Amino acid sequence: MIYFAGGCFWGTEHFFSGVDGVVSAVSGYAQGSPEFDGRPSYEQVYTDTTGFAETVRVCYRPERISLETLADLYFSIIDPLSLNRQGHDEGTRYRTGIYYSDPADLPVLQGVYSVVEARIGQPLVVELEPLRNFFEAEERHQLYLDKNPDGYCHLPARVFKYLRLYQDVAALLGDEPDPVARMAETAALIYERMRFFWVGFYVVRDALSNGSGLGRELVLGPFQGPPACLRIAYGRGVCGNAWKEARTVVVPDVEAFPGHIACSSLSRSEIVVPVFASTAPTCPSAAGKGPVSDPRGADCTGIARPKPIAVLDIDSTSLATFDSTDALWLEKICRLI
């Protein structure tokens, strides 16, 4: 068992119910004030005077999914820098936190917190505490979004699509060692599930000439969609900039991006995500919070960062298709590569 407070429990419960290896996700109230006696009602918790936070109790099978993976997924659905607020919901009942009942879980959770904090570059405002108390919420709050498919949820609808996509990519890639095969499978899955106009990889290779200035350039790899540019120079276009800056670049309108390379006139917006040879922390994405990456080659804390070995390029025929949600989940998918 592990307990996640992630804002409104309707969305948090629905999310973890879809995680492979989770047996059950139950909405409830946790970490109530010692002065509050007995089981709270939703109406009492809503007053923000009981100390309780809307929390989901997750029961999982550790042989199928690790606590580390669960915690990493949790950080994919919260804003860890927002105090007592998630989405449009505000109040101490909507604060974020992970509460554990087994002391052996603490070092694992501390490790995940450290990785997330390093990636963001700012201190988190997410509680990490031993569980004091937990009471199941009223029946009307259990499986709320299953009962009310059009009901309120503070999480974007595509979060649930990305969760399924991420898990299927992980399952299909398995222990396949060939990077081309891994990229090909990933491009096909993203294209099929998300229905984007173009999905593909550009791989860093030796340049045919020294025209790029660095002797390296991006060469077209596995993709889905219409024919595309074969080679892109370092720092050129959206792909070349994402490679140069080693960070995700989100472009709401490609026509407004200086030096955009028009492989297709139908492309209106774009996201490019770097792929690294390791899972070392990198600079925050352009869509995320935190400082802008240092173009001189150091990361946001001044420590040398890894260089991309490829980029994932996705185009849409609509303006402003991509945002921080897409950036976060596509970065997670690229870490699988």
Protein backbone atom coordinates (compact mmCIF):
# COMPACT_ATOMS: atom_id res chain seq x y z
CA MET A 1 0.00 0.00 0.00
CA ILE A 2 1.04 3.56 -0.72
CA TYR A 3 -0.98 6.77 -0.41
CA PHE A 4 -0.95 9.61 -2.96
CA ALA A 5 -2.45 13.07 -2.42
CA GLY A 6 -2.55 14.72 -5.83
CA GLY A 7 -5.33 17.29 -5.81
CA CYS A 8 -8.90 16.18 -6.54
CA PHE A 9 -9.04 12.45 -5.78
CA TRP A 10 -11.44 11.71 -8.65
CA GLY A 11 -8.71 12.15 -11.26
CA THR A 12 -5.90 10.69 -9.14
CA GLU A 13 -7.94 7.55 -8.47
CA HIS A 14 -8.87 7.17 -12.15
CA PHE A 15 -5.24 7.54 -13.18
CA PHE A 16 -3.85 4.91 -10.81
CA SER A 17 -6.71 2.53 -11.61
CA GLY A 18 -5.25 2.39 -15.12
CA VAL A 19 -1.70 1.55 -14.04
CA ASP A 20 -0.60 -2.01 -14.79
CA GLY A 21 0.18 -3.82 -11.54
CA VAL A 22 -2.23 -1.78 -9.42
CA VAL A 23 -4.84 -3.96 -7.74
CA SER A 24 -7.05 -1.17 -6.42
CA ALA A 25 -7.18 2.61 -6.04
CA VAL A 26 -9.51 3.94 -3.34
CA SER A 27 -10.39 7.59 -2.72
CA GLY A 28 -10.21 8.83 0.84
CA TYR A 29 -8.96 11.36 3.35
CA ALA A 30 -5.49 11.24 4.96
CA GLN A 31 -3.27 13.10 7.40
CA GLY A 32 -6.09 14.65 9.39
CA SER A 33 -5.42 16.80 12.41
CA PRO A 34 -5.02 14.88 15.71
CA GLU A 35 -7.65 17.23 17.17
CA PHE A 36 -10.25 15.91 14.72
CA ASP A 37 -12.06 12.93 16.22
CA GLY A 38 -13.66 10.21 14.10
CA ARG A 39 -14.33 9.68 10.41
CA PRO A 40 -14.65 12.90 8.38
CA SER A 41 -17.30 13.58 5.80
CA TYR A 42 -16.60 15.20 2.43
CA GLU A 43 -18.43 18.30 3.59
CA GLN A 44 -16.20 18.56 6.68
CA VAL A 45 -12.99 18.07 4.69
CA TYR A 46 -14.18 20.69 2.22
CA THR A 47 -14.05 23.37 4.94
CA ASP A 48 -10.23 23.04 5.14
CA THR A 49 -10.44 22.92 8.94
CA THR A 50 -9.85 19.18 9.50
CA GLY A 51 -6.29 18.91 8.20
CA PHE A 52 -7.28 16.08 5.85
CA ALA A 53 -6.06 15.91 2.25
CA GLU A 54 -7.92 14.18 -0.57
CA THR A 55 -5.80 11.05 -0.96
CA VAL A 56 -5.85 7.80 -2.93
CA ARG A 57 -4.81 4.52 -1.35
CA VAL A 58 -3.03 2.42 -3.98
CA CYS A 59 -2.67 -1.32 -3.49
CA TYR A 60 -0.15 -2.80 -5.94
CA ARG A 61 1.76 -5.98 -6.77
CA PRO A 62 5.51 -5.25 -6.35
CA GLU A 63 6.44 -8.12 -8.67
CA ARG A 64 4.64 -6.27 -11.48
CA ILE A 65 5.33 -2.63 -10.68
CA SER A 66 7.81 -1.04 -8.31
CA LEU A 67 7.16 1.68 -5.76
CA GLU A 68 9.75 3.78 -7.61
CA THR A 69 7.75 3.55 -10.84
CA LEU A 70 4.50 4.39 -9.05
CA ALA A 71 6.06 7.46 -7.46
CA ASP A 72 7.53 8.52 -10.81
CA LEU A 73 4.09 8.23 -12.41
CA TYR A 74 2.60 10.26 -9.56
CA PHE A 75 4.94 13.14 -10.35
CA SER A 76 3.64 13.01 -13.93
CA ILE A 77 0.17 14.16 -12.84
CA ILE A 78 0.95 16.90 -10.32
CA ASP A 79 2.57 20.30 -10.29
CA PRO A 80 5.18 19.71 -7.57
CA LEU A 81 5.84 23.45 -7.21
CA SER A 82 2.22 24.43 -6.49
CA LEU A 83 1.35 24.71 -2.79
CA ASN A 84 -2.21 23.76 -1.81
CA ARG A 85 -3.40 24.00 -5.40
CA GLN A 86 -3.72 21.60 -8.34
CA GLY A 87 -5.45 22.73 -11.50
CA HIS A 88 -8.41 24.90 -10.57
CA ASP A 89 -8.74 23.32 -7.12
CA GLU A 90 -7.35 25.32 -4.20
CA GLY A 91 -7.12 24.65 -0.46
CA THR A 92 -5.14 22.51 1.98
CA ARG A 93 -7.38 19.54 1.12
CA TYR A 94 -5.85 19.64 -2.37
CA ARG A 95 -2.21 19.68 -1.22
CA THR A 96 0.20 17.14 -2.64
CA GLY A 97 2.01 14.43 -0.73
CA ILE A 98 3.05 10.80 -0.55
CA TYR A 99 2.32 8.99 2.72
CA TYR A 100 3.82 5.61 3.55
CA SER A 101 2.96 2.97 6.13
CA ASP A 102 6.15 0.91 5.72
CA PRO A 103 9.37 2.69 6.85
CA ALA A 104 11.30 0.67 4.25
CA ASP A 105 9.53 2.72 1.56
CA LEU A 106 11.11 5.99 2.70
CA PRO A 107 14.57 5.61 1.04
CA VAL A 108 12.93 4.66 -2.27
CA LEU A 109 10.64 7.67 -2.16
CA GLN A 110 13.47 9.99 -1.13
CA GLY A 111 15.38 8.83 -4.20
CA VAL A 112 12.49 9.68 -6.50
CA TYR A 113 12.06 13.09 -4.86
CA SER A 114 15.76 13.82 -5.41
CA VAL A 115 15.60 12.90 -9.10
CA VAL A 116 12.51 15.05 -9.68
CA GLU A 117 13.99 17.99 -7.80
CA ALA A 118 17.20 17.77 -9.83
CA ARG A 119 15.25 17.62 -13.07
CA ILE A 120 13.12 20.66 -12.18
CA GLY A 121 15.90 22.62 -10.53
CA GLN A 122 13.73 23.93 -7.68
CA PRO A 123 12.67 22.65 -4.23
CA LEU A 124 9.45 20.62 -4.24
CA VAL A 125 6.42 21.48 -2.09
CA VAL A 126 5.20 17.87 -1.94
CA GLU A 127 4.83 16.32 1.51
CA LEU A 128 6.64 13.06 2.29
CA GLU A 129 5.42 11.69 5.62
CA PRO A 130 4.53 8.48 7.42
CA LEU A 131 0.80 7.83 7.24
CA ARG A 132 -1.05 9.15 10.31
CA ASN A 133 -4.56 8.18 9.33
CA PHE A 134 -6.72 7.33 6.34
CA PHE A 135 -10.48 7.04 5.95
CA GLU A 136 -12.22 5.83 2.78
CA ALA A 137 -14.39 8.48 1.16
CA GLU A 138 -18.12 8.05 0.68
CA GLU A 139 -19.30 5.59 -1.96
CA ARG A 140 -20.35 8.38 -4.33
CA HIS A 141 -16.69 9.37 -4.64
CA GLN A 142 -15.41 5.87 -5.49
CA LEU A 143 -14.78 5.24 -9.23
CA TYR A 144 -16.33 8.66 -9.80
CA LEU A 145 -15.14 9.11 -13.38
CA ASP A 146 -16.23 5.61 -14.31
CA LYS A 147 -19.71 6.44 -13.06
CA ASN A 148 -19.60 9.95 -14.56
CA PRO A 149 -17.51 9.85 -17.78
CA ASP A 150 -18.18 13.53 -18.43
CA GLY A 151 -17.60 14.51 -14.81
CA TYR A 152 -15.09 17.08 -13.62
CA CYS A 153 -11.42 16.12 -13.61
CA HIS A 154 -8.50 18.47 -13.01
CA LEU A 155 -6.25 16.31 -15.19
CA PRO A 156 -6.21 16.82 -18.98
CA ALA A 157 -7.99 13.97 -20.77
CA ARG A 158 -4.87 13.11 -22.78
CA VAL A 159 -2.99 12.24 -19.57
CA PHE A 160 -4.91 8.97 -19.51
CA LYS A 161 -4.11 8.33 -23.20
CA TYR A 162 -0.43 9.00 -22.54
CA LEU A 163 -0.44 6.62 -19.56
CA ARG A 164 -1.72 3.78 -21.74
CA LEU A 165 0.71 4.71 -24.50
CA TYR A 166 3.67 4.86 -22.11
CA GLN A 167 2.88 1.45 -20.62
CA ASP A 168 2.39 -0.15 -24.04
CA VAL A 169 5.67 1.29 -25.35
CA ALA A 170 7.48 -0.09 -22.29
CA ALA A 171 5.87 -3.52 -22.71
CA LEU A 172 6.51 -3.79 -26.46
CA LEU A 173 10.12 -2.58 -26.30
CA GLY A 174 10.93 -5.01 -23.50
CA ASP A 175 14.62 -5.91 -23.56
CA GLU A 176 15.06 -5.38 -27.33
CA PRO A 177 18.66 -4.12 -27.68
CA ASP A 178 18.54 -2.59 -31.16
CA PRO A 179 17.95 1.20 -31.01
CA VAL A 180 16.50 1.39 -34.52
CA ALA A 181 13.90 -1.25 -33.68
CA ARG A 182 13.06 0.60 -30.46
CA MET A 183 12.62 3.90 -32.29
CA ALA A 184 10.56 2.30 -35.07
CA GLU A 185 8.15 0.66 -32.63
CA THR A 186 7.82 3.85 -30.59
CA ALA A 187 7.13 6.05 -33.63
CA ALA A 188 4.46 3.64 -34.86
CA LEU A 189 2.71 3.50 -31.48
CA ILE A 190 2.67 7.28 -30.98
CA TYR A 191 1.41 7.83 -34.53
CA GLU A 192 -1.34 5.21 -34.20
CA ARG A 193 -2.56 6.22 -30.73
CA MET A 194 -2.24 10.01 -30.79
CA ARG A 195 -3.09 10.61 -34.47
CA PHE A 196 -0.44 13.25 -35.00
CA PHE A 197 0.43 14.35 -38.57
CA TRP A 198 4.09 13.20 -38.45
CA VAL A 199 6.05 11.24 -35.86
CA GLY A 200 9.66 10.25 -36.27
CA PHE A 201 13.23 10.25 -35.09
CA TYR A 202 16.32 12.04 -36.33
CA VAL A 203 19.58 10.40 -35.28
CA VAL A 204 22.91 12.17 -34.69
CA ARG A 205 25.38 10.97 -37.32
CA ASP A 206 28.66 12.05 -38.91
CA ALA A 207 27.99 14.73 -41.51
CA LEU A 208 28.65 14.10 -45.20
CA SER A 209 30.66 17.34 -45.18
CA ASN A 210 31.78 19.89 -42.65
CA GLY A 211 28.93 22.20 -43.61
CA SER A 212 27.34 21.83 -40.18
CA GLY A 213 30.43 23.28 -38.59
CA LEU A 214 30.73 20.48 -36.03
CA GLY A 215 31.07 17.44 -38.28
CA ARG A 216 27.76 16.04 -37.06
CA GLU A 217 24.16 16.36 -38.23
CA LEU A 218 20.73 14.84 -37.74
CA VAL A 219 19.82 12.07 -40.18
CA LEU A 220 16.28 10.84 -40.73
CA GLY A 221 15.48 7.65 -38.81
CA PRO A 222 12.31 5.59 -38.33
CA PHE A 223 9.14 7.65 -38.86
CA GLN A 224 5.42 7.54 -39.64
CA GLY A 225 3.84 10.06 -42.01
CA PRO A 226 4.66 11.74 -45.33
CA PRO A 227 8.23 12.05 -46.68
CA ALA A 228 10.45 14.36 -44.63
CA CYS A 229 13.78 16.17 -44.69
CA LEU A 230 16.68 13.70 -44.86
CA ARG A 231 19.30 15.72 -42.96
CA ILE A 232 19.23 18.66 -40.55
CA ALA A 233 22.29 20.65 -39.48
CA TYR A 234 23.27 21.38 -35.88
CA GLY A 235 21.25 24.31 -34.55
CA ARG A 236 19.02 24.52 -37.65
CA GLY A 237 15.25 24.50 -37.36
CA VAL A 238 13.34 23.15 -34.38
CA CYS A 239 15.10 19.76 -34.44
CA GLY A 240 18.55 21.27 -34.69
CA ASN A 241 17.80 23.66 -31.82
CA ALA A 242 16.50 20.87 -29.57
CA TRP A 243 19.69 18.92 -30.31
CA LYS A 244 21.93 21.94 -29.67
CA GLU A 245 20.21 22.99 -26.43
CA ALA A 246 19.59 19.42 -25.20
CA ARG A 247 16.05 20.23 -24.16
CA THR A 248 12.50 19.83 -25.37
CA VAL A 249 11.30 22.60 -27.67
CA VAL A 250 7.56 23.28 -28.04
CA VAL A 251 6.51 25.48 -30.97
CA PRO A 252 2.85 26.62 -31.04
CA ASP A 253 3.24 28.15 -34.53
CA VAL A 254 6.07 26.94 -36.76
CA GLU A 255 5.80 30.02 -38.98
CA ALA A 256 6.79 32.16 -35.99
CA PHE A 257 9.89 30.07 -35.21
CA PRO A 258 13.07 31.70 -36.60
CA GLY A 259 14.79 29.46 -39.14
CA HIS A 260 12.02 26.88 -39.25
CA ILE A 261 12.65 24.17 -41.85
CA ALA A 262 9.43 23.45 -43.74
CA CYS A 263 9.51 19.74 -44.55
CA SER A 264 5.75 19.97 -45.17
CA SER A 265 3.53 23.01 -45.69
CA LEU A 266 0.78 21.22 -43.72
CA SER A 267 2.73 21.34 -40.46
CA ARG A 268 1.45 24.12 -38.15
CA SER A 269 2.85 23.28 -34.70
CA GLU A 270 5.67 21.04 -33.47
CA ILE A 271 7.37 19.45 -30.49
CA VAL A 272 10.91 18.04 -30.50
CA VAL A 273 12.23 15.93 -27.61
CA PRO A 274 15.90 14.96 -27.25
CA VAL A 275 16.86 11.32 -26.71
CA PHE A 276 19.86 10.65 -24.46
CA ALA A 277 22.07 7.60 -24.04
CA SER A 278 21.37 7.63 -20.29
CA THR A 279 18.65 8.86 -17.94
CA ALA A 280 20.84 11.53 -16.34
CA PRO A 281 18.95 14.72 -15.35
CA THR A 282 18.63 17.30 -18.12
CA CYS A 283 17.48 20.89 -18.37
CA PRO A 284 13.77 21.66 -17.88
CA SER A 285 11.85 21.63 -21.15
CA ALA A 286 10.79 24.81 -22.88
CA ALA A 287 7.21 24.08 -21.82
CA GLY A 288 8.09 23.45 -18.19
CA LYS A 289 9.08 25.65 -15.29
CA GLY A 290 12.56 26.61 -14.27
CA PRO A 291 15.52 28.32 -15.91
CA VAL A 292 16.26 28.20 -19.61
CA SER A 293 19.05 25.85 -20.61
CA ASP A 294 22.54 27.30 -20.94
CA PRO A 295 23.54 27.38 -24.65
CA ARG A 296 27.21 27.06 -23.70
CA GLY A 297 26.80 23.37 -22.89
CA ALA A 298 26.24 23.36 -19.10
CA ASP A 299 22.91 22.41 -17.63
CA CYS A 300 20.77 24.72 -15.52
CA THR A 301 22.86 24.13 -12.41
CA GLY A 302 26.18 24.55 -14.22
CA ILE A 303 26.97 20.82 -14.36
CA ALA A 304 27.87 19.29 -17.71
CA ARG A 305 24.81 17.62 -19.22
CA PRO A 306 24.70 14.67 -21.62
CA LYS A 307 24.44 15.28 -25.35
CA PRO A 308 21.46 13.92 -27.30
CA ILE A 309 21.99 10.91 -29.52
CA ALA A 310 18.71 11.55 -31.39
CA VAL A 311 15.54 13.64 -31.28
CA LEU A 312 11.87 12.70 -31.44
CA ASP A 313 10.07 15.08 -33.81
CA ILE A 314 6.26 15.36 -33.86
CA ASP A 315 4.23 17.67 -36.12
CA SER A 316 0.57 18.66 -36.08
CA THR A 317 -1.63 20.27 -38.73
CA SER A 318 -3.23 22.46 -36.04
CA LEU A 319 -1.80 25.42 -34.17
CA ALA A 320 -0.79 25.13 -30.48
CA THR A 321 -1.30 21.35 -30.31
CA PHE A 322 1.45 20.69 -27.77
CA ASP A 323 2.03 21.90 -24.22
CA SER A 324 3.78 20.89 -20.99
CA THR A 325 1.66 17.72 -20.68
CA ASP A 326 2.89 16.45 -24.05
CA ALA A 327 6.47 17.47 -23.18
CA LEU A 328 6.43 15.61 -19.87
CA TRP A 329 5.03 12.34 -21.22
CA LEU A 330 7.05 12.32 -24.42
CA GLU A 331 10.20 12.88 -22.36
CA LYS A 332 9.23 9.85 -20.26
CA ILE A 333 8.71 7.82 -23.44
CA CYS A 334 12.08 8.95 -24.82
CA ARG A 335 13.76 7.75 -21.62
CA LEU A 336 12.46 4.28 -22.53
CA ILE A 337 14.43 4.49 -25.80
